[in-house]
N, C-alpha and C. Protein backbone atom coordinates (compact mmCIF):
# COMPACT_ATOMS: atom_id res chain seq x y z
N MET A 1 -36.06 -28.99 -2.66
CA MET A 1 -35.67 -27.80 -2.16
C MET A 1 -34.45 -27.59 -1.96
N GLY A 2 -33.86 -26.48 -2.23
CA GLY A 2 -32.46 -26.25 -2.34
C GLY A 2 -31.88 -25.66 -1.17
N ILE A 3 -30.58 -25.43 -0.95
CA ILE A 3 -30.02 -24.85 0.21
C ILE A 3 -30.62 -23.37 0.53
N ASP A 4 -30.75 -22.55 -0.67
CA ASP A 4 -31.34 -21.40 -0.47
C ASP A 4 -32.65 -21.37 0.40
N ASP A 5 -33.55 -22.30 0.02
CA ASP A 5 -34.83 -22.43 0.51
C ASP A 5 -34.81 -22.73 1.91
N LEU A 6 -33.78 -23.59 2.40
CA LEU A 6 -33.57 -23.85 3.71
C LEU A 6 -33.04 -22.67 4.49
N ALA A 7 -32.21 -21.97 3.83
CA ALA A 7 -31.45 -20.60 4.56
C ALA A 7 -32.93 -19.74 4.67
N ALA A 8 -33.64 -19.49 3.69
CA ALA A 8 -34.72 -18.70 3.91
C ALA A 8 -35.58 -19.02 4.83
N LYS A 9 -35.79 -20.28 5.23
CA LYS A 9 -36.84 -20.73 6.23
C LYS A 9 -36.04 -20.74 7.45
N ALA A 10 -34.85 -20.82 7.65
CA ALA A 10 -34.28 -20.65 8.90
C ALA A 10 -34.40 -19.17 9.24
N LYS A 11 -34.05 -18.34 8.38
CA LYS A 11 -34.08 -16.81 8.55
C LYS A 11 -35.53 -16.31 8.94
N SER A 12 -36.45 -16.84 8.20
CA SER A 12 -37.81 -16.56 8.68
C SER A 12 -38.12 -16.85 9.98
N ALA A 13 -37.68 -18.21 10.50
CA ALA A 13 -38.04 -18.90 11.83
C ALA A 13 -37.32 -17.91 13.09
N LEU A 14 -36.32 -17.43 12.85
CA LEU A 14 -35.54 -16.69 13.56
C LEU A 14 -36.20 -15.35 13.75
N ALA A 15 -36.67 -14.80 12.42
CA ALA A 15 -37.34 -13.58 12.67
C ALA A 15 -38.54 -13.51 13.53
N GLU A 16 -39.13 -14.70 13.43
CA GLU A 16 -40.58 -14.84 13.97
C GLU A 16 -40.35 -15.22 15.37
N HIS A 17 -39.28 -16.25 15.75
CA HIS A 17 -39.22 -17.02 16.90
C HIS A 17 -37.86 -16.63 17.62
N GLY A 18 -37.12 -15.80 17.46
CA GLY A 18 -35.85 -15.52 17.94
C GLY A 18 -35.83 -15.42 19.30
N ASP A 19 -36.71 -14.84 20.18
CA ASP A 19 -36.64 -14.79 21.50
C ASP A 19 -36.56 -16.29 22.02
N LYS A 20 -37.39 -17.10 21.46
CA LYS A 20 -37.43 -18.41 21.98
C LYS A 20 -36.09 -19.26 21.73
N VAL A 21 -35.47 -18.79 20.62
CA VAL A 21 -34.09 -19.42 20.26
C VAL A 21 -33.06 -18.88 21.03
N SER A 22 -32.95 -17.77 21.40
CA SER A 22 -32.12 -17.07 22.36
C SER A 22 -32.21 -17.39 23.81
N ASP A 23 -33.57 -17.96 24.21
CA ASP A 23 -33.66 -18.33 25.52
C ASP A 23 -33.13 -19.64 25.46
N GLY A 24 -33.31 -20.56 24.52
CA GLY A 24 -32.82 -21.86 24.48
C GLY A 24 -31.17 -21.94 24.34
N LEU A 25 -30.73 -20.89 23.97
CA LEU A 25 -29.15 -20.73 23.86
C LEU A 25 -28.72 -20.70 25.18
N GLU A 26 -29.34 -19.68 25.98
CA GLU A 26 -29.10 -19.47 27.26
C GLU A 26 -29.02 -20.90 28.25
N LYS A 27 -30.26 -21.58 28.10
CA LYS A 27 -30.29 -22.74 28.85
C LYS A 27 -29.51 -23.68 28.43
N ALA A 28 -28.99 -23.77 27.10
CA ALA A 28 -28.04 -24.77 26.70
C ALA A 28 -26.72 -24.51 27.37
N ALA A 29 -26.24 -23.25 27.19
CA ALA A 29 -25.05 -22.72 27.67
C ALA A 29 -24.86 -22.99 29.12
N GLU A 30 -26.09 -22.87 30.09
CA GLU A 30 -25.76 -22.97 31.44
C GLU A 30 -25.68 -24.59 31.63
N PHE A 31 -26.18 -25.32 31.02
CA PHE A 31 -26.16 -26.76 31.03
C PHE A 31 -24.80 -27.08 30.58
N VAL A 32 -24.21 -26.69 29.51
CA VAL A 32 -22.66 -27.05 29.17
C VAL A 32 -21.78 -26.54 30.05
N LYS A 33 -22.08 -25.30 30.76
CA LYS A 33 -21.11 -24.87 31.50
C LYS A 33 -21.11 -25.54 32.96
N SER A 34 -22.14 -26.14 33.26
CA SER A 34 -22.27 -27.08 34.48
C SER A 34 -21.60 -28.45 34.08
N LYS A 35 -21.13 -28.73 32.91
CA LYS A 35 -20.53 -29.95 32.72
C LYS A 35 -19.12 -29.85 32.25
N THR A 36 -18.67 -28.58 32.15
CA THR A 36 -17.24 -28.33 31.85
C THR A 36 -16.67 -27.62 32.69
N PRO A 37 -15.32 -27.53 32.57
CA PRO A 37 -14.50 -26.82 33.70
C PRO A 37 -14.72 -25.26 33.38
N ASP A 38 -14.53 -24.77 34.56
CA ASP A 38 -14.80 -23.18 34.64
C ASP A 38 -14.23 -22.50 33.57
N SER A 39 -12.90 -23.04 33.28
CA SER A 39 -12.08 -22.24 32.23
C SER A 39 -12.49 -22.10 30.92
N VAL A 40 -13.61 -22.84 30.78
CA VAL A 40 -14.19 -22.67 29.23
C VAL A 40 -15.30 -21.56 29.07
N ASP A 41 -15.76 -21.25 30.33
CA ASP A 41 -17.21 -20.58 30.63
C ASP A 41 -17.04 -19.21 29.69
N ALA A 42 -15.83 -18.53 29.68
CA ALA A 42 -15.79 -17.31 28.67
C ALA A 42 -16.26 -17.71 27.45
N LYS A 43 -15.59 -18.62 26.77
CA LYS A 43 -15.70 -19.09 25.41
C LYS A 43 -17.23 -19.38 25.07
N ILE A 44 -17.96 -20.19 25.96
CA ILE A 44 -19.27 -20.50 25.95
C ILE A 44 -19.86 -19.23 25.76
N ASP A 45 -19.91 -18.30 26.92
CA ASP A 45 -20.40 -16.98 26.87
C ASP A 45 -20.33 -16.16 25.52
N SER A 46 -19.09 -16.27 25.12
CA SER A 46 -18.85 -15.53 23.80
C SER A 46 -19.73 -16.03 22.66
N GLY A 47 -19.62 -17.45 22.65
CA GLY A 47 -20.45 -18.04 21.58
C GLY A 47 -21.95 -17.88 21.62
N VAL A 48 -22.47 -17.82 22.68
CA VAL A 48 -23.71 -17.40 22.92
C VAL A 48 -24.01 -15.90 22.55
N ASP A 49 -23.28 -15.09 22.98
CA ASP A 49 -23.41 -13.62 22.70
C ASP A 49 -23.35 -13.44 21.19
N SER A 50 -22.59 -13.95 20.54
CA SER A 50 -22.35 -13.88 19.05
C SER A 50 -23.74 -14.33 18.42
N ALA A 51 -24.10 -15.65 19.00
CA ALA A 51 -25.08 -16.16 18.09
C ALA A 51 -26.56 -15.23 18.48
N GLN A 52 -26.70 -14.67 19.95
CA GLN A 52 -27.69 -13.72 20.22
C GLN A 52 -27.64 -12.53 19.42
N GLU A 53 -26.38 -11.94 19.07
CA GLU A 53 -26.41 -10.95 18.12
C GLU A 53 -26.76 -11.12 16.78
N TYR A 54 -26.40 -12.49 16.18
CA TYR A 54 -27.13 -12.73 14.87
C TYR A 54 -28.46 -12.80 14.96
N ILE A 55 -28.99 -13.25 15.91
CA ILE A 55 -30.60 -13.60 16.03
C ILE A 55 -31.21 -12.06 15.97
N ALA A 56 -30.74 -11.14 16.72
CA ALA A 56 -31.11 -9.84 16.88
C ALA A 56 -30.90 -9.21 15.37
N LYS A 57 -30.09 -9.37 14.67
CA LYS A 57 -30.13 -8.84 13.46
C LYS A 57 -30.91 -9.27 12.51
N GLN A 58 -31.12 -10.80 12.44
CA GLN A 58 -32.32 -11.22 11.80
C GLN A 58 -33.66 -10.81 11.97
N GLN A 59 -34.08 -10.45 13.37
CA GLN A 59 -35.10 -9.96 13.67
C GLN A 59 -35.38 -8.64 13.24
N GLN A 60 -34.22 -7.80 12.93
CA GLN A 60 -34.53 -6.51 12.50
C GLN A 60 -34.59 -6.51 11.03
N ALA A 61 -34.06 -7.38 10.35
CA ALA A 61 -34.27 -7.58 8.82
C ALA A 61 -35.57 -7.77 8.35
């Protein structure tokens, strides 16, 4: 199994279970924000937003 096979499986999983992954990202972000200074909240939110946009694109593909 090569890297292309792994990438295809990951994209397939995102297409099928993207909503669960997105929910997990939200929960993880809230946990990280509870453990870090408020000054990094915007960066965490930005990273989660970017990841969720990518997931949404994979679900449409």
